């Protein structure tokens, strides 16, 4: 922990800051995987909505 003092001898504690790393643009195979996940999630939500309408 990083500690400093000001003019009145009051301690200020600062948390350790993590190193920053930037995200990279997803590769083409990752993009395809995201599309498949989106399609699967849409299918599940659509099925749940249709089942809900048919039950009520």
PDB file of N, CA and C in Angstrom:
ATOM      1  N   UNK A   1       0.847  -1.173   0.000  1.00  0.00           N
ATOM      2  CA  UNK A   1       0.000   0.000   0.000  1.00  0.00           C
ATOM      3  C   UNK A   1       0.894   1.237   0.000  1.00  0.00           C
ATOM      4  N   UNK A   2       0.511   2.212  -0.774  1.00  0.00           N
ATOM      5  CA  UNK A   2       1.273   3.442  -0.921  1.00  0.00           C
ATOM      6  C   UNK A   2       0.722   4.470   0.060  1.00  0.00           C
ATOM      7  N   UNK A   3       1.559   5.018   0.926  1.00  0.00           N
ATOM      8  CA  UNK A   3       1.119   5.962   1.951  1.00  0.00           C
ATOM      9  C   UNK A   3       1.888   7.266   1.823  1.00  0.00           C
ATOM     10  N   UNK A   4       1.176   8.377   1.933  1.00  0.00           N
ATOM     11  CA  UNK A   4       1.798   9.699   1.944  1.00  0.00           C
ATOM     12  C   UNK A   4       1.271  10.479   3.134  1.00  0.00           C
ATOM     13  N   UNK A   5       1.930  11.576   3.437  1.00  0.00           N
ATOM     14  CA  UNK A   5       1.450  12.480   4.479  1.00  0.00           C
ATOM     15  C   UNK A   5       1.344  13.877   3.893  1.00  0.00           C
ATOM     16  N   UNK A   6       0.362  14.640   4.392  1.00  0.00           N
ATOM     17  CA  UNK A   6       0.215  16.009   3.919  1.00  0.00           C
ATOM     18  C   UNK A   6       0.855  16.971   4.919  1.00  0.00           C
ATOM     19  N   UNK A   7       0.581  18.272   4.776  1.00  0.00           N
ATOM     20  CA  UNK A   7       1.217  19.283   5.625  1.00  0.00           C
ATOM     21  C   UNK A   7       0.853  19.127   7.103  1.00  0.00           C
ATOM     22  N   UNK A   8      -0.326  18.592   7.394  1.00  0.00           N
ATOM     23  CA  UNK A   8      -0.788  18.441   8.772  1.00  0.00           C
ATOM     24  C   UNK A   8      -0.459  17.064   9.336  1.00  0.00           C
ATOM     25  N   UNK A   9       0.421  16.333   8.693  1.00  0.00           N
ATOM     26  CA  UNK A   9       0.823  14.978   9.092  1.00  0.00           C
ATOM     27  C   UNK A   9      -0.351  14.006   9.141  1.00  0.00           C
ATOM     28  N   UNK A  10      -1.298  14.194   8.244  1.00  0.00           N
ATOM     29  CA  UNK A  10      -2.405  13.253   8.114  1.00  0.00           C
ATOM     30  C   UNK A  10      -2.025  12.243   7.036  1.00  0.00           C
ATOM     31  N   UNK A  11      -2.222  10.960   7.350  1.00  0.00           N
ATOM     32  CA  UNK A  11      -1.853   9.905   6.417  1.00  0.00           C
ATOM     33  C   UNK A  11      -2.910   9.744   5.342  1.00  0.00           C
ATOM     34  N   UNK A  12      -2.453   9.542   4.116  1.00  0.00           N
ATOM     35  CA  UNK A  12      -3.319   9.213   2.994  1.00  0.00           C
ATOM     36  C   UNK A  12      -2.861   7.872   2.438  1.00  0.00           C
ATOM     37  N   UNK A  13      -3.755   6.901   2.463  1.00  0.00           N
ATOM     38  CA  UNK A  13      -3.434   5.564   1.955  1.00  0.00           C
ATOM     39  C   UNK A  13      -4.055   5.385   0.576  1.00  0.00           C
ATOM     40  N   UNK A  14      -3.280   4.854  -0.333  1.00  0.00           N
ATOM     41  CA  UNK A  14      -3.746   4.611  -1.693  1.00  0.00           C
ATOM     42  C   UNK A  14      -3.602   3.131  -2.006  1.00  0.00           C
ATOM     43  N   UNK A  15      -4.602   2.581  -2.660  1.00  0.00           N
ATOM     44  CA  UNK A  15      -4.538   1.184  -3.056  1.00  0.00           C
ATOM     45  C   UNK A  15      -3.544   1.012  -4.194  1.00  0.00           C
ATOM     46  N   UNK A  16      -2.995  -0.198  -4.303  1.00  0.00           N
ATOM     47  CA  UNK A  16      -2.081  -0.498  -5.402  1.00  0.00           C
ATOM     48  C   UNK A  16      -2.872  -0.558  -6.699  1.00  0.00           C
ATOM     49  N   UNK A  17      -2.419   0.137  -7.714  1.00  0.00           N
ATOM     50  CA  UNK A  17      -3.119   0.172  -8.991  1.00  0.00           C
ATOM     51  C   UNK A  17      -2.620  -0.958  -9.887  1.00  0.00           C
ATOM     52  N   UNK A  18      -3.540  -1.717 -10.457  1.00  0.00           N
ATOM     53  CA  UNK A  18      -3.110  -2.806 -11.344  1.00  0.00           C
ATOM     54  C   UNK A  18      -2.591  -2.262 -12.674  1.00  0.00           C
ATOM     55  N   UNK A  19      -1.793  -3.072 -13.350  1.00  0.00           N
ATOM     56  CA  UNK A  19      -1.304  -2.691 -14.674  1.00  0.00           C
ATOM     57  C   UNK A  19      -2.464  -2.724 -15.663  1.00  0.00           C
ATOM     58  N   UNK A  20      -2.458  -1.795 -16.595  1.00  0.00           N
ATOM     59  CA  UNK A  20      -3.526  -1.696 -17.588  1.00  0.00           C
ATOM     60  C   UNK A  20      -3.142  -2.502 -18.819  1.00  0.00           C
ATOM     61  N   UNK A  21      -4.090  -3.297 -19.306  1.00  0.00           N
ATOM     62  CA  UNK A  21      -3.900  -3.977 -20.587  1.00  0.00           C
ATOM     63  C   UNK A  21      -5.144  -3.736 -21.425  1.00  0.00           C
ATOM     64  N   UNK A  22      -4.922  -3.505 -22.694  1.00  0.00           N
ATOM     65  CA  UNK A  22      -6.007  -3.160 -23.596  1.00  0.00           C
ATOM     66  C   UNK A  22      -6.558  -4.417 -24.264  1.00  0.00           C
ATOM     67  N   UNK A  23      -7.856  -4.411 -24.497  1.00  0.00           N
ATOM     68  CA  UNK A  23      -8.494  -5.539 -25.159  1.00  0.00           C
ATOM     69  C   UNK A  23      -8.125  -5.553 -26.639  1.00  0.00           C
ATOM     70  N   UNK A  24      -8.060  -6.746 -27.186  1.00  0.00           N
ATOM     71  CA  UNK A  24      -7.768  -6.895 -28.606  1.00  0.00           C
ATOM     72  C   UNK A  24      -9.057  -7.239 -29.352  1.00  0.00           C
ATOM     73  N   UNK A  25      -9.106  -6.870 -30.607  1.00  0.00           N
ATOM     74  CA  UNK A  25     -10.270  -7.186 -31.436  1.00  0.00           C
ATOM     75  C   UNK A  25     -10.351  -8.697 -31.594  1.00  0.00           C
ATOM     76  N   UNK A  26     -11.559  -9.277 -31.453  1.00  0.00           N
ATOM     77  CA  UNK A  26     -11.660 -10.741 -31.517  1.00  0.00           C
ATOM     78  C   UNK A  26     -11.317 -11.292 -32.903  1.00  0.00           C
ATOM     79  N   UNK A  27     -10.732 -12.472 -32.886  1.00  0.00           N
ATOM     80  CA  UNK A  27     -10.389 -13.151 -34.141  1.00  0.00           C
ATOM     81  C   UNK A  27     -11.669 -13.616 -34.830  1.00  0.00           C
ATOM     82  N   UNK A  28     -11.538 -14.033 -36.082  1.00  0.00           N
ATOM     83  CA  UNK A  28     -12.711 -14.422 -36.868  1.00  0.00           C
ATOM     84  C   UNK A  28     -13.401 -15.633 -36.263  1.00  0.00           C
ATOM     85  N   UNK A  29     -12.649 -16.584 -35.712  1.00  0.00           N
ATOM     86  CA  UNK A  29     -13.278 -17.760 -35.102  1.00  0.00           C
ATOM     87  C   UNK A  29     -13.997 -17.383 -33.812  1.00  0.00           C
ATOM     88  N   UNK A  30     -13.500 -16.367 -33.098  1.00  0.00           N
ATOM     89  CA  UNK A  30     -14.192 -15.896 -31.900  1.00  0.00           C
ATOM     90  C   UNK A  30     -15.490 -15.181 -32.281  1.00  0.00           C
ATOM     91  N   UNK A  31     -15.444 -14.423 -33.370  1.00  0.00           N
ATOM     92  CA  UNK A  31     -16.642 -13.737 -33.840  1.00  0.00           C
ATOM     93  C   UNK A  31     -17.717 -14.739 -34.240  1.00  0.00           C
ATOM     94  N   UNK A  32     -17.324 -15.820 -34.899  1.00  0.00           N
ATOM     95  CA  UNK A  32     -18.287 -16.864 -35.268  1.00  0.00           C
ATOM     96  C   UNK A  32     -18.882 -17.513 -34.032  1.00  0.00           C
ATOM     97  N   UNK A  33     -18.045 -17.723 -33.020  1.00  0.00           N
ATOM     98  CA  UNK A  33     -18.535 -18.314 -31.778  1.00  0.00           C
ATOM     99  C   UNK A  33     -19.561 -17.401 -31.115  1.00  0.00           C
ATOM    100  N   UNK A  34     -19.317 -16.102 -31.141  1.00  0.00           N
ATOM    101  CA  UNK A  34     -20.266 -15.145 -30.560  1.00  0.00           C
ATOM    102  C   UNK A  34     -21.585 -15.143 -31.316  1.00  0.00           C
ATOM    103  N   UNK A  35     -21.530 -15.283 -32.631  1.00  0.00           N
ATOM    104  CA  UNK A  35     -22.752 -15.341 -33.430  1.00  0.00           C
ATOM    105  C   UNK A  35     -23.555 -16.589 -33.072  1.00  0.00           C
ATOM    106  N   UNK A  36     -22.882 -17.725 -32.958  1.00  0.00           N
ATOM    107  CA  UNK A  36     -23.574 -18.958 -32.585  1.00  0.00           C
ATOM    108  C   UNK A  36     -24.185 -18.859 -31.190  1.00  0.00           C
ATOM    109  N   UNK A  37     -23.473 -18.249 -30.261  1.00  0.00           N
ATOM    110  CA  UNK A  37     -24.015 -18.070 -28.917  1.00  0.00           C
ATOM    111  C   UNK A  37     -25.241 -17.166 -28.943  1.00  0.00           C
ATOM    112  N   UNK A  38     -25.206 -16.121 -29.751  1.00  0.00           N
ATOM    113  CA  UNK A  38     -26.346 -15.219 -29.877  1.00  0.00           C
ATOM    114  C   UNK A  38     -27.552 -15.917 -30.478  1.00  0.00           C
ATOM    115  N   UNK A  39     -27.322 -16.736 -31.505  1.00  0.00           N
ATOM    116  CA  UNK A  39     -28.415 -17.485 -32.114  1.00  0.00           C
ATOM    117  C   UNK A  39     -29.022 -18.480 -31.124  1.00  0.00           C
ATOM    118  N   UNK A  40     -28.180 -19.167 -30.371  1.00  0.00           N
ATOM    119  CA  UNK A  40     -28.663 -20.122 -29.383  1.00  0.00           C
ATOM    120  C   UNK A  40     -29.463 -19.417 -28.288  1.00  0.00           C
ATOM    121  N   UNK A  41     -28.978 -18.260 -27.814  1.00  0.00           N
ATOM    122  CA  UNK A  41     -29.700 -17.502 -26.792  1.00  0.00           C
ATOM    123  C   UNK A  41     -31.037 -17.000 -27.328  1.00  0.00           C
ATOM    124  N   UNK A  42     -31.063 -16.556 -28.577  1.00  0.00           N
ATOM    125  CA  UNK A  42     -32.319 -16.102 -29.192  1.00  0.00           C
ATOM    126  C   UNK A  42     -33.308 -17.246 -29.299  1.00  0.00           C
ATOM    127  N   UNK A  43     -32.834 -18.424 -29.658  1.00  0.00           N
ATOM    128  CA  UNK A  43     -33.690 -19.601 -29.749  1.00  0.00           C
ATOM    129  C   UNK A  43     -34.290 -19.950 -28.387  1.00  0.00           C
ATOM    130  N   UNK A  44     -33.490 -19.903 -27.348  1.00  0.00           N
ATOM    131  CA  UNK A  44     -33.982 -20.219 -25.998  1.00  0.00           C
ATOM    132  C   UNK A  44     -35.021 -19.198 -25.557  1.00  0.00           C
ATOM    133  N   UNK A  45     -34.749 -17.921 -25.742  1.00  0.00           N
ATOM    134  CA  UNK A  45     -35.691 -16.874 -25.316  1.00  0.00           C
ATOM    135  C   UNK A  45     -36.990 -16.973 -26.100  1.00  0.00           C
ATOM    136  N   UNK A  46     -36.893 -17.196 -27.405  1.00  0.00           N
ATOM    137  CA  UNK A  46     -38.094 -17.334 -28.228  1.00  0.00           C
ATOM    138  C   UNK A  46     -38.923 -18.532 -27.778  1.00  0.00           C
ATOM    139  N   UNK A  47     -38.275 -19.655 -27.495  1.00  0.00           N
ATOM    140  CA  UNK A  47     -38.974 -20.837 -27.015  1.00  0.00           C
ATOM    141  C   UNK A  47     -39.675 -20.565 -25.693  1.00  0.00           C
ATOM    142  N   UNK A  48     -38.999 -19.890 -24.770  1.00  0.00           N
ATOM    143  CA  UNK A  48     -39.605 -19.580 -23.475  1.00  0.00           C
ATOM    144  C   UNK A  48     -40.800 -18.653 -23.623  1.00  0.00           C
ATOM    145  N   UNK A  49     -40.712 -17.675 -24.504  1.00  0.00           N
ATOM    146  CA  UNK A  49     -41.829 -16.751 -24.709  1.00  0.00           C
ATOM    147  C   UNK A  49     -43.013 -17.497 -25.316  1.00  0.00           C
ATOM    148  N   UNK A  50     -42.780 -18.353 -26.298  1.00  0.00           N
ATOM    149  CA  UNK A  50     -43.862 -19.116 -26.924  1.00  0.00           C
ATOM    150  C   UNK A  50     -44.503 -20.091 -25.935  1.00  0.00           C
ATOM    151  N   UNK A  51     -43.713 -20.733 -25.099  1.00  0.00           N
ATOM    152  CA  UNK A  51     -44.255 -21.624 -24.081  1.00  0.00           C
ATOM    153  C   UNK A  51     -45.077 -20.823 -23.074  1.00  0.00           C
ATOM    154  N   UNK A  52     -44.598 -19.645 -22.707  1.00  0.00           N
ATOM    155  CA  UNK A  52     -45.349 -18.797 -21.783  1.00  0.00           C
ATOM    156  C   UNK A  52     -46.692 -18.371 -22.352  1.00  0.00           C
ATOM    157  N   UNK A  53     -46.726 -18.009 -23.643  1.00  0.00           N
ATOM    158  CA  UNK A  53     -47.998 -17.629 -24.274  1.00  0.00           C
ATOM    159  C   UNK A  53     -48.937 -18.827 -24.396  1.00  0.00           C
ATOM    160  N   UNK A  54     -48.387 -19.985 -24.705  1.00  0.00           N
ATOM    161  CA  UNK A  54     -49.262 -21.154 -24.876  1.00  0.00           C
ATOM    162  C   UNK A  54     -49.824 -21.638 -23.548  1.00  0.00           C
ATOM    163  N   UNK A  55     -49.120 -21.454 -22.452  1.00  0.00           N
ATOM    164  CA  UNK A  55     -49.608 -21.882 -21.147  1.00  0.00           C
ATOM    165  C   UNK A  55     -50.666 -20.926 -20.614  1.00  0.00           C
ATOM    166  N   UNK A  56     -50.517 -19.671 -20.880  1.00  0.00           N
ATOM    167  CA  UNK A  56     -51.465 -18.693 -20.319  1.00  0.00           C
ATOM    168  C   UNK A  56     -52.690 -18.498 -21.127  1.00  0.00           C
TER     169      UNK A  56
END
